[in-house]
Amino acid sequence: MSDPLQSKPTLYVIQSQKDKRTYVGSTDNFKKRLKQHNSGRVISTKHRVPFKILFTEELETLKEARKRELYYKSGAGRRKLKEFFENNSAQSTQKIN
C-alpha cells in the first residue's frame, strides 16, 4: 500500500483515543478528512477526538470506496473488521479479504 495521506479514493478505519470506538469512512482526500475528524469538524465524531488510523485502503474510484464503506458499516462487515483486527496488529497495511 502506498502513502495513505495521498489524495486518492480511500476507505479508512480510525479509532477514537477517547472511547476506543472505531469509525469507518471513505473520501477522495484522506489527509484533509483526517484533519477534519481530529479538529472536531465532523458531526458524527466531534465528541470522540482525537483519532488514530487503524487501516486505510486505496481504491480506483470513490464509488468503490463508498461501496466498501457501506459493507464495513453493515453487521457482516463489522464482524469482518473485528476478526481482522483481532488477528493483525493495530496499524495494518494488509488488505482485508
PDB file of N, CA and C in Angstrom:
ATOM      1  N   MET A   1       0.860  -1.169   0.000  1.00  0.00           N
ATOM      2  CA  MET A   1       0.000   0.000   0.000  1.00  0.00           C
ATOM      3  C   MET A   1       0.904   1.228   0.000  1.00  0.00           C
ATOM      4  N   SER A   2       0.520   2.221  -0.745  1.00  0.00           N
ATOM      5  CA  SER A   2       1.281   3.459  -0.780  1.00  0.00           C
ATOM      6  C   SER A   2       0.873   4.366   0.371  1.00  0.00           C
ATOM      7  N   ASP A   3       1.433   5.555   0.393  1.00  0.00           N
ATOM      8  CA  ASP A   3       1.188   6.524   1.464  1.00  0.00           C
ATOM      9  C   ASP A   3      -0.303   6.807   1.619  1.00  0.00           C
ATOM     10  N   PRO A   4      -0.903   6.530   2.799  1.00  0.00           N
ATOM     11  CA  PRO A   4      -2.344   6.715   2.979  1.00  0.00           C
ATOM     12  C   PRO A   4      -2.776   8.171   3.017  1.00  0.00           C
ATOM     13  N   LEU A   5      -1.823   9.106   3.070  1.00  0.00           N
ATOM     14  CA  LEU A   5      -2.182  10.507   3.156  1.00  0.00           C
ATOM     15  C   LEU A   5      -2.284  11.169   1.782  1.00  0.00           C
ATOM     16  N   GLN A   6      -2.114  10.411   0.709  1.00  0.00           N
ATOM     17  CA  GLN A   6      -2.265  10.965  -0.634  1.00  0.00           C
ATOM     18  C   GLN A   6      -3.734  11.186  -0.954  1.00  0.00           C
ATOM     19  N   SER A   7      -3.998  12.014  -1.980  1.00  0.00           N
ATOM     20  CA  SER A   7      -5.372  12.307  -2.394  1.00  0.00           C
ATOM     21  C   SER A   7      -5.848  11.286  -3.412  1.00  0.00           C
ATOM     22  N   LYS A   8      -6.236  10.139  -2.953  1.00  0.00           N
ATOM     23  CA  LYS A   8      -6.805   9.080  -3.776  1.00  0.00           C
ATOM     24  C   LYS A   8      -8.054   8.591  -3.055  1.00  0.00           C
ATOM     25  N   PRO A   9      -9.002   8.009  -3.806  1.00  0.00           N
ATOM     26  CA  PRO A   9     -10.165   7.428  -3.123  1.00  0.00           C
ATOM     27  C   PRO A   9      -9.699   6.415  -2.073  1.00  0.00           C
ATOM     28  N   THR A  10     -10.109   6.637  -0.849  1.00  0.00           N
ATOM     29  CA  THR A  10      -9.595   5.844   0.263  1.00  0.00           C
ATOM     30  C   THR A  10     -10.710   5.425   1.205  1.00  0.00           C
ATOM     31  N   LEU A  11     -10.696   4.163   1.567  1.00  0.00           N
ATOM     32  CA  LEU A  11     -11.531   3.635   2.644  1.00  0.00           C
ATOM     33  C   LEU A  11     -10.654   3.698   3.890  1.00  0.00           C
ATOM     34  N   TYR A  12     -11.197   4.132   5.016  1.00  0.00           N
ATOM     35  CA  TYR A  12     -10.377   4.217   6.219  1.00  0.00           C
ATOM     36  C   TYR A  12     -11.146   3.765   7.450  1.00  0.00           C
ATOM     37  N   VAL A  13     -10.381   3.286   8.422  1.00  0.00           N
ATOM     38  CA  VAL A  13     -10.919   2.949   9.739  1.00  0.00           C
ATOM     39  C   VAL A  13     -10.044   3.697  10.734  1.00  0.00           C
ATOM     40  N   ILE A  14     -10.682   4.535  11.542  1.00  0.00           N
ATOM     41  CA  ILE A  14      -9.970   5.275  12.579  1.00  0.00           C
ATOM     42  C   ILE A  14     -10.547   4.891  13.935  1.00  0.00           C
ATOM     43  N   GLN A  15      -9.747   5.080  14.970  1.00  0.00           N
ATOM     44  CA  GLN A  15     -10.187   4.735  16.317  1.00  0.00           C
ATOM     45  C   GLN A  15     -10.050   5.949  17.231  1.00  0.00           C
ATOM     46  N   SER A  16     -11.098   6.208  17.977  1.00  0.00           N
ATOM     47  CA  SER A  16     -11.087   7.300  18.947  1.00  0.00           C
ATOM     48  C   SER A  16     -10.162   6.944  20.102  1.00  0.00           C
ATOM     49  N   GLN A  17      -9.280   7.855  20.439  1.00  0.00           N
ATOM     50  CA  GLN A  17      -8.407   7.655  21.596  1.00  0.00           C
ATOM     51  C   GLN A  17      -9.154   7.942  22.896  1.00  0.00           C
ATOM     52  N   LYS A  18     -10.313   8.557  22.774  1.00  0.00           N
ATOM     53  CA  LYS A  18     -11.129   8.891  23.942  1.00  0.00           C
ATOM     54  C   LYS A  18     -11.943   7.692  24.418  1.00  0.00           C
ATOM     55  N   ASP A  19     -12.665   7.048  23.491  1.00  0.00           N
ATOM     56  CA  ASP A  19     -13.537   5.941  23.894  1.00  0.00           C
ATOM     57  C   ASP A  19     -13.212   4.604  23.223  1.00  0.00           C
ATOM     58  N   LYS A  20     -12.161   4.585  22.400  1.00  0.00           N
ATOM     59  CA  LYS A  20     -11.666   3.363  21.725  1.00  0.00           C
ATOM     60  C   LYS A  20     -12.624   2.803  20.677  1.00  0.00           C
ATOM     61  N   ARG A  21     -13.684   3.528  20.347  1.00  0.00           N
ATOM     62  CA  ARG A  21     -14.608   3.075  19.307  1.00  0.00           C
ATOM     63  C   ARG A  21     -14.035   3.398  17.942  1.00  0.00           C
ATOM     64  N   THR A  22     -14.443   2.628  16.935  1.00  0.00           N
ATOM     65  CA  THR A  22     -13.939   2.841  15.586  1.00  0.00           C
ATOM     66  C   THR A  22     -14.952   3.576  14.729  1.00  0.00           C
ATOM     67  N   TYR A  23     -14.447   4.177  13.665  1.00  0.00           N
ATOM     68  CA  TYR A  23     -15.274   4.858  12.673  1.00  0.00           C
ATOM     69  C   TYR A  23     -14.770   4.442  11.303  1.00  0.00           C
ATOM     70  N   VAL A  24     -15.690   4.054  10.427  1.00  0.00           N
ATOM     71  CA  VAL A  24     -15.367   3.671   9.059  1.00  0.00           C
ATOM     72  C   VAL A  24     -15.857   4.768   8.134  1.00  0.00           C
ATOM     73  N   GLY A  25     -14.996   5.181   7.211  1.00  0.00           N
ATOM     74  CA  GLY A  25     -15.389   6.213   6.265  1.00  0.00           C
ATOM     75  C   GLY A  25     -14.661   6.057   4.947  1.00  0.00           C
ATOM     76  N   SER A  26     -15.029   6.895   3.992  1.00  0.00           N
ATOM     77  CA  SER A  26     -14.351   6.927   2.702  1.00  0.00           C
ATOM     78  C   SER A  26     -14.277   8.370   2.238  1.00  0.00           C
ATOM     79  N   THR A  27     -13.260   8.659   1.446  1.00  0.00           N
ATOM     80  CA  THR A  27     -13.037  10.022   0.996  1.00  0.00           C
ATOM     81  C   THR A  27     -12.117  10.024  -0.220  1.00  0.00           C
ATOM     82  N   ASP A  28     -12.078  11.153  -0.908  1.00  0.00           N
ATOM     83  CA  ASP A  28     -11.128  11.291  -2.007  1.00  0.00           C
ATOM     84  C   ASP A  28      -9.906  12.108  -1.571  1.00  0.00           C
ATOM     85  N   ASN A  29      -9.878  12.550  -0.308  1.00  0.00           N
ATOM     86  CA  ASN A  29      -8.729  13.277   0.222  1.00  0.00           C
ATOM     87  C   ASN A  29      -8.572  12.907   1.700  1.00  0.00           C
ATOM     88  N   PHE A  30      -7.856  11.830   1.958  1.00  0.00           N
ATOM     89  CA  PHE A  30      -7.761  11.293   3.311  1.00  0.00           C
ATOM     90  C   PHE A  30      -7.079  12.259   4.278  1.00  0.00           C
ATOM     91  N   LYS A  31      -6.013  12.906   3.851  1.00  0.00           N
ATOM     92  CA  LYS A  31      -5.296  13.826   4.727  1.00  0.00           C
ATOM     93  C   LYS A  31      -6.226  14.926   5.245  1.00  0.00           C
ATOM     94  N   LYS A  32      -7.000  15.506   4.341  1.00  0.00           N
ATOM     95  CA  LYS A  32      -7.944  16.565   4.710  1.00  0.00           C
ATOM     96  C   LYS A  32      -9.032  16.018   5.636  1.00  0.00           C
ATOM     97  N   ARG A  33      -9.559  14.844   5.314  1.00  0.00           N
ATOM     98  CA  ARG A  33     -10.646  14.264   6.102  1.00  0.00           C
ATOM     99  C   ARG A  33     -10.186  13.911   7.511  1.00  0.00           C
ATOM    100  N   LEU A  34      -8.983  13.387   7.650  1.00  0.00           N
ATOM    101  CA  LEU A  34      -8.463  13.052   8.976  1.00  0.00           C
ATOM    102  C   LEU A  34      -8.308  14.319   9.818  1.00  0.00           C
ATOM    103  N   LYS A  35      -7.840  15.396   9.199  1.00  0.00           N
ATOM    104  CA  LYS A  35      -7.737  16.676   9.915  1.00  0.00           C
ATOM    105  C   LYS A  35      -9.113  17.148  10.376  1.00  0.00           C
ATOM    106  N   GLN A  36     -10.136  16.962   9.520  1.00  0.00           N
ATOM    107  CA  GLN A  36     -11.496  17.347   9.903  1.00  0.00           C
ATOM    108  C   GLN A  36     -11.966  16.535  11.106  1.00  0.00           C
ATOM    109  N   HIS A  37     -11.718  15.225  11.095  1.00  0.00           N
ATOM    110  CA  HIS A  37     -12.107  14.375  12.233  1.00  0.00           C
ATOM    111  C   HIS A  37     -11.403  14.848  13.506  1.00  0.00           C
ATOM    112  N   ASN A  38     -10.103  15.052  13.428  1.00  0.00           N
ATOM    113  CA  ASN A  38      -9.328  15.392  14.619  1.00  0.00           C
ATOM    114  C   ASN A  38      -9.534  16.809  15.112  1.00  0.00           C
ATOM    115  N   SER A  39     -10.098  17.679  14.286  1.00  0.00           N
ATOM    116  CA  SER A  39     -10.371  19.049  14.737  1.00  0.00           C
ATOM    117  C   SER A  39     -11.814  19.227  15.205  1.00  0.00           C
ATOM    118  N   GLY A  40     -12.597  18.129  15.179  1.00  0.00           N
ATOM    119  CA  GLY A  40     -13.974  18.191  15.662  1.00  0.00           C
ATOM    120  C   GLY A  40     -14.955  18.770  14.661  1.00  0.00           C
ATOM    121  N   ARG A  41     -14.603  18.822  13.376  1.00  0.00           N
ATOM    122  CA  ARG A  41     -15.483  19.393  12.361  1.00  0.00           C
ATOM    123  C   ARG A  41     -16.395  18.373  11.688  1.00  0.00           C
ATOM    124  N   VAL A  42     -16.377  17.120  12.154  1.00  0.00           N
ATOM    125  CA  VAL A  42     -17.268  16.087  11.624  1.00  0.00           C
ATOM    126  C   VAL A  42     -18.297  15.791  12.708  1.00  0.00           C
ATOM    127  N   ILE A  43     -19.560  16.052  12.393  1.00  0.00           N
ATOM    128  CA  ILE A  43     -20.623  15.943  13.397  1.00  0.00           C
ATOM    129  C   ILE A  43     -20.643  14.582  14.098  1.00  0.00           C
ATOM    130  N   SER A  44     -20.510  13.504  13.327  1.00  0.00           N
ATOM    131  CA  SER A  44     -20.637  12.168  13.914  1.00  0.00           C
ATOM    132  C   SER A  44     -19.460  11.766  14.794  1.00  0.00           C
ATOM    133  N   THR A  45     -18.341  12.477  14.719  1.00  0.00           N
ATOM    134  CA  THR A  45     -17.175  12.095  15.519  1.00  0.00           C
ATOM    135  C   THR A  45     -16.629  13.219  16.391  1.00  0.00           C
ATOM    136  N   LYS A  46     -17.271  14.383  16.396  1.00  0.00           N
ATOM    137  CA  LYS A  46     -16.670  15.545  17.064  1.00  0.00           C
ATOM    138  C   LYS A  46     -16.481  15.384  18.568  1.00  0.00           C
ATOM    139  N   HIS A  47     -17.263  14.534  19.209  1.00  0.00           N
ATOM    140  CA  HIS A  47     -17.135  14.352  20.655  1.00  0.00           C
ATOM    141  C   HIS A  47     -16.192  13.211  21.021  1.00  0.00           C
ATOM    142  N   ARG A  48     -15.510  12.666  20.000  1.00  0.00           N
ATOM    143  CA  ARG A  48     -14.663  11.495  20.242  1.00  0.00           C
ATOM    144  C   ARG A  48     -13.207  11.733  19.864  1.00  0.00           C
ATOM    145  N   VAL A  49     -12.797  12.968  19.631  1.00  0.00           N
ATOM    146  CA  VAL A  49     -11.420  13.267  19.227  1.00  0.00           C
ATOM    147  C   VAL A  49     -10.465  13.047  20.398  1.00  0.00           C
ATOM    148  N   PRO A  50      -9.209  12.720  20.135  1.00  0.00           N
ATOM    149  CA  PRO A  50      -8.516  12.550  18.864  1.00  0.00           C
ATOM    150  C   PRO A  50      -8.640  11.127  18.334  1.00  0.00           C
ATOM    151  N   PHE A  51      -8.225  10.952  17.076  1.00  0.00           N
ATOM    152  CA  PHE A  51      -8.300   9.654  16.401  1.00  0.00           C
ATOM    153  C   PHE A  51      -6.930   9.191  15.953  1.00  0.00           C
ATOM    154  N   LYS A  52      -6.784   7.867  15.879  1.00  0.00           N
ATOM    155  CA  LYS A  52      -5.596   7.289  15.262  1.00  0.00           C
ATOM    156  C   LYS A  52      -6.054   6.421  14.094  1.00  0.00           C
ATOM    157  N   ILE A  53      -5.199   6.280  13.112  1.00  0.00           N
ATOM    158  CA  ILE A  53      -5.504   5.490  11.920  1.00  0.00           C
ATOM    159  C   ILE A  53      -5.271   4.016  12.230  1.00  0.00           C
ATOM    160  N   LEU A  54      -6.287   3.193  11.985  1.00  0.00           N
ATOM    161  CA  LEU A  54      -6.126   1.749  12.133  1.00  0.00           C
ATOM    162  C   LEU A  54      -5.872   1.080  10.789  1.00  0.00           C
ATOM    163  N   PHE A  55      -6.536   1.574   9.747  1.00  0.00           N
ATOM    164  CA  PHE A  55      -6.466   0.894   8.460  1.00  0.00           C
ATOM    165  C   PHE A  55      -6.843   1.862   7.344  1.00  0.00           C
ATOM    166  N   THR A  56      -6.154   1.776   6.217  1.00  0.00           N
ATOM    167  CA  THR A  56      -6.546   2.507   5.012  1.00  0.00           C
ATOM    168  C   THR A  56      -6.419   1.577   3.820  1.00  0.00           C
ATOM    169  N   GLU A  57      -7.267   1.797   2.842  1.00  0.00           N
ATOM    170  CA  GLU A  57      -7.195   1.041   1.597  1.00  0.00           C
ATOM    171  C   GLU A  57      -7.529   1.984   0.446  1.00  0.00           C
ATOM    172  N   GLU A  58      -6.590   2.137  -0.472  1.00  0.00           N
ATOM    173  CA  GLU A  58      -6.830   2.967  -1.644  1.00  0.00           C
ATOM    174  C   GLU A  58      -7.596   2.158  -2.675  1.00  0.00           C
ATOM    175  N   LEU A  59      -8.556   2.806  -3.317  1.00  0.00           N
ATOM    176  CA  LEU A  59      -9.351   2.153  -4.345  1.00  0.00           C
ATOM    177  C   LEU A  59      -9.280   2.987  -5.625  1.00  0.00           C
ATOM    178  N   GLU A  60      -9.755   2.421  -6.711  1.00  0.00           N
ATOM    179  CA  GLU A  60      -9.673   3.099  -8.006  1.00  0.00           C
ATOM    180  C   GLU A  60     -10.631   4.278  -8.106  1.00  0.00           C
ATOM    181  N   THR A  61     -11.832   4.123  -7.549  1.00  0.00           N
ATOM    182  CA  THR A  61     -12.833   5.192  -7.662  1.00  0.00           C
ATOM    183  C   THR A  61     -13.472   5.454  -6.304  1.00  0.00           C
ATOM    184  N   LEU A  62     -14.028   6.640  -6.169  1.00  0.00           N
ATOM    185  CA  LEU A  62     -14.744   6.984  -4.941  1.00  0.00           C
ATOM    186  C   LEU A  62     -15.990   6.116  -4.794  1.00  0.00           C
ATOM    187  N   LYS A  63     -16.609   5.754  -5.901  1.00  0.00           N
ATOM    188  CA  LYS A  63     -17.784   4.878  -5.865  1.00  0.00           C
ATOM    189  C   LYS A  63     -17.425   3.533  -5.226  1.00  0.00           C
ATOM    190  N   GLU A  64     -16.266   2.983  -5.592  1.00  0.00           N
ATOM    191  CA  GLU A  64     -15.812   1.717  -4.989  1.00  0.00           C
ATOM    192  C   GLU A  64     -15.567   1.894  -3.491  1.00  0.00           C
ATOM    193  N   ALA A  65     -14.949   3.012  -3.118  1.00  0.00           N
ATOM    194  CA  ALA A  65     -14.663   3.277  -1.706  1.00  0.00           C
ATOM    195  C   ALA A  65     -15.955   3.379  -0.901  1.00  0.00           C
ATOM    196  N   ARG A  66     -16.954   4.077  -1.452  1.00  0.00           N
ATOM    197  CA  ARG A  66     -18.248   4.221  -0.763  1.00  0.00           C
ATOM    198  C   ARG A  66     -18.950   2.863  -0.615  1.00  0.00           C
ATOM    199  N   LYS A  67     -18.876   2.045  -1.644  1.00  0.00           N
ATOM    200  CA  LYS A  67     -19.499   0.722  -1.591  1.00  0.00           C
ATOM    201  C   LYS A  67     -18.851  -0.126  -0.499  1.00  0.00           C
ATOM    202  N   ARG A  68     -17.543  -0.073  -0.424  1.00  0.00           N
ATOM    203  CA  ARG A  68     -16.815  -0.831   0.594  1.00  0.00           C
ATOM    204  C   ARG A  68     -17.129  -0.282   1.993  1.00  0.00           C
ATOM    205  N   GLU A  69     -17.232   1.044   2.102  1.00  0.00           N
ATOM    206  CA  GLU A  69     -17.593   1.664   3.380  1.00  0.00           C
ATOM    207  C   GLU A  69     -18.947   1.149   3.858  1.00  0.00           C
ATOM    208  N   LEU A  70     -19.921   1.123   2.972  1.00  0.00           N
ATOM    209  CA  LEU A  70     -21.253   0.637   3.352  1.00  0.00           C
ATOM    210  C   LEU A  70     -21.202  -0.806   3.826  1.00  0.00           C
ATOM    211  N   TYR A  71     -20.377  -1.626   3.158  1.00  0.00           N
ATOM    212  CA  TYR A  71     -20.244  -3.018   3.587  1.00  0.00           C
ATOM    213  C   TYR A  71     -19.668  -3.091   5.002  1.00  0.00           C
ATOM    214  N   TYR A  72     -18.589  -2.331   5.264  1.00  0.00           N
ATOM    215  CA  TYR A  72     -17.955  -2.395   6.581  1.00  0.00           C
ATOM    216  C   TYR A  72     -18.789  -1.766   7.677  1.00  0.00           C
ATOM    217  N   LYS A  73     -19.805  -1.011   7.319  1.00  0.00           N
ATOM    218  CA  LYS A  73     -20.731  -0.475   8.309  1.00  0.00           C
ATOM    219  C   LYS A  73     -21.900  -1.425   8.570  1.00  0.00           C
ATOM    220  N   SER A  74     -22.002  -2.487   7.764  1.00  0.00           N
ATOM    221  CA  SER A  74     -23.063  -3.490   7.963  1.00  0.00           C
ATOM    222  C   SER A  74     -22.626  -4.467   9.054  1.00  0.00           C
ATOM    223  N   GLY A  75     -23.543  -5.280   9.497  1.00  0.00           N
ATOM    224  CA  GLY A  75     -23.228  -6.277  10.518  1.00  0.00           C
ATOM    225  C   GLY A  75     -22.138  -7.235  10.086  1.00  0.00           C
ATOM    226  N   ALA A  76     -22.241  -7.747   8.867  1.00  0.00           N
ATOM    227  CA  ALA A  76     -21.236  -8.686   8.355  1.00  0.00           C
ATOM    228  C   ALA A  76     -19.879  -8.003   8.227  1.00  0.00           C
ATOM    229  N   GLY A  77     -19.890  -6.760   7.768  1.00  0.00           N
ATOM    230  CA  GLY A  77     -18.649  -6.019   7.621  1.00  0.00           C
ATOM    231  C   GLY A  77     -17.988  -5.718   8.958  1.00  0.00           C
ATOM    232  N   ARG A  78     -18.793  -5.356   9.943  1.00  0.00           N
ATOM    233  CA  ARG A  78     -18.259  -5.100  11.289  1.00  0.00           C
ATOM    234  C   ARG A  78     -17.611  -6.361  11.867  1.00  0.00           C
ATOM    235  N   ARG A  79     -18.258  -7.499  11.653  1.00  0.00           N
ATOM    236  CA  ARG A  79     -17.681  -8.766  12.131  1.00  0.00           C
ATOM    237  C   ARG A  79     -16.350  -9.043  11.430  1.00  0.00           C
ATOM    238  N   LYS A  80     -16.291  -8.780  10.134  1.00  0.00           N
ATOM    239  CA  LYS A  80     -15.075  -8.990   9.361  1.00  0.00           C
ATOM    240  C   LYS A  80     -13.951  -8.093   9.886  1.00  0.00           C
ATOM    241  N   LEU A  81     -14.261  -6.824  10.151  1.00  0.00           N
ATOM    242  CA  LEU A  81     -13.257  -5.911  10.695  1.00  0.00           C
ATOM    243  C   LEU A  81     -12.776  -6.371  12.073  1.00  0.00           C
ATOM    244  N   LYS A  82     -13.699  -6.781  12.913  1.00  0.00           N
ATOM    245  CA  LYS A  82     -13.335  -7.244  14.251  1.00  0.00           C
ATOM    246  C   LYS A  82     -12.387  -8.436  14.158  1.00  0.00           C
ATOM    247  N   GLU A  83     -12.726  -9.378  13.300  1.00  0.00           N
ATOM    248  CA  GLU A  83     -11.884 -10.558  13.095  1.00  0.00           C
ATOM    249  C   GLU A  83     -10.500 -10.147  12.571  1.00  0.00           C
ATOM    250  N   PHE A  84     -10.478  -9.235  11.624  1.00  0.00           N
ATOM    251  CA  PHE A  84      -9.220  -8.772  11.045  1.00  0.00           C
ATOM    252  C   PHE A  84      -8.325  -8.147  12.104  1.00  0.00           C
ATOM    253  N   PHE A  85      -8.881  -7.245  12.925  1.00  0.00           N
ATOM    254  CA  PHE A  85      -8.064  -6.555  13.916  1.00  0.00           C
ATOM    255  C   PHE A  85      -7.656  -7.459  15.071  1.00  0.00           C
ATOM    256  N   GLU A  86      -8.426  -8.490  15.336  1.00  0.00           N
ATOM    257  CA  GLU A  86      -8.029  -9.452  16.363  1.00  0.00           C
ATOM    258  C   GLU A  86      -6.848 -10.294  15.902  1.00  0.00           C
ATOM    259  N   ASN A  87      -6.736 -10.496  14.576  1.00  0.00           N
ATOM    260  CA  ASN A  87      -5.689 -11.355  14.024  1.00  0.00           C
ATOM    261  C   ASN A  87      -4.480 -10.592  13.489  1.00  0.00           C
ATOM    262  N   ASN A  88      -4.504  -9.272  13.521  1.00  0.00           N
ATOM    263  CA  ASN A  88      -3.416  -8.455  12.985  1.00  0.00           C
ATOM    264  C   ASN A  88      -3.060  -7.352  13.956  1.00  0.00           C
ATOM    265  N   SER A  89      -1.984  -6.665  13.672  1.00  0.00           N
ATOM    266  CA  SER A  89      -1.558  -5.558  14.528  1.00  0.00           C
ATOM    267  C   SER A  89      -2.539  -4.402  14.435  1.00  0.00           C
ATOM    268  N   ALA A  90      -2.460  -3.453  15.361  1.00  0.00           N
ATOM    269  CA  ALA A  90      -3.362  -2.309  15.403  1.00  0.00           C
ATOM    270  C   ALA A  90      -3.258  -1.444  14.154  1.00  0.00           C
ATOM    271  N   GLN A  91      -2.069  -1.236  13.634  1.00  0.00           N
ATOM    272  CA  GLN A  91      -1.890  -0.461  12.392  1.00  0.00           C
ATOM    273  C   GLN A  91      -1.509  -1.456  11.323  1.00  0.00           C
ATOM    274  N   SER A  92      -2.344  -1.628  10.331  1.00  0.00           N
ATOM    275  CA  SER A  92      -2.098  -2.660   9.342  1.00  0.00           C
ATOM    276  C   SER A  92      -2.060  -2.109   7.939  1.00  0.00           C
ATOM    277  N   THR A  93      -1.229  -2.725   7.118  1.00  0.00           N
ATOM    278  CA  THR A  93      -1.175  -2.376   5.705  1.00  0.00           C
ATOM    279  C   THR A  93      -1.672  -3.533   4.857  1.00  0.00           C
ATOM    280  N   GLN A  94      -2.162  -4.581   5.505  1.00  0.00           N
ATOM    281  CA  GLN A  94      -2.690  -5.719   4.781  1.00  0.00           C
ATOM    282  C   GLN A  94      -4.115  -5.432   4.325  1.00  0.00           C
ATOM    283  N   LYS A  95      -4.494  -6.092   3.254  1.00  0.00           N
ATOM    284  CA  LYS A  95      -5.859  -5.945   2.740  1.00  0.00           C
ATOM    285  C   LYS A  95      -6.786  -6.877   3.519  1.00  0.00           C
ATOM    286  N   ILE A  96      -7.968  -6.373   3.809  1.00  0.00           N
ATOM    287  CA  ILE A  96      -8.975  -7.186   4.461  1.00  0.00           C
ATOM    288  C   ILE A  96      -9.680  -7.984   3.365  1.00  0.00           C
ATOM    289  N   ASN A  97      -9.681  -9.291   3.481  1.00  0.00           N
ATOM    290  CA  ASN A  97     -10.308 -10.129   2.449  1.00  0.00           C
ATOM    291  C   ASN A  97     -11.779 -10.313   2.698  1.00  0.00           C
TER     292      ASN A  97
END
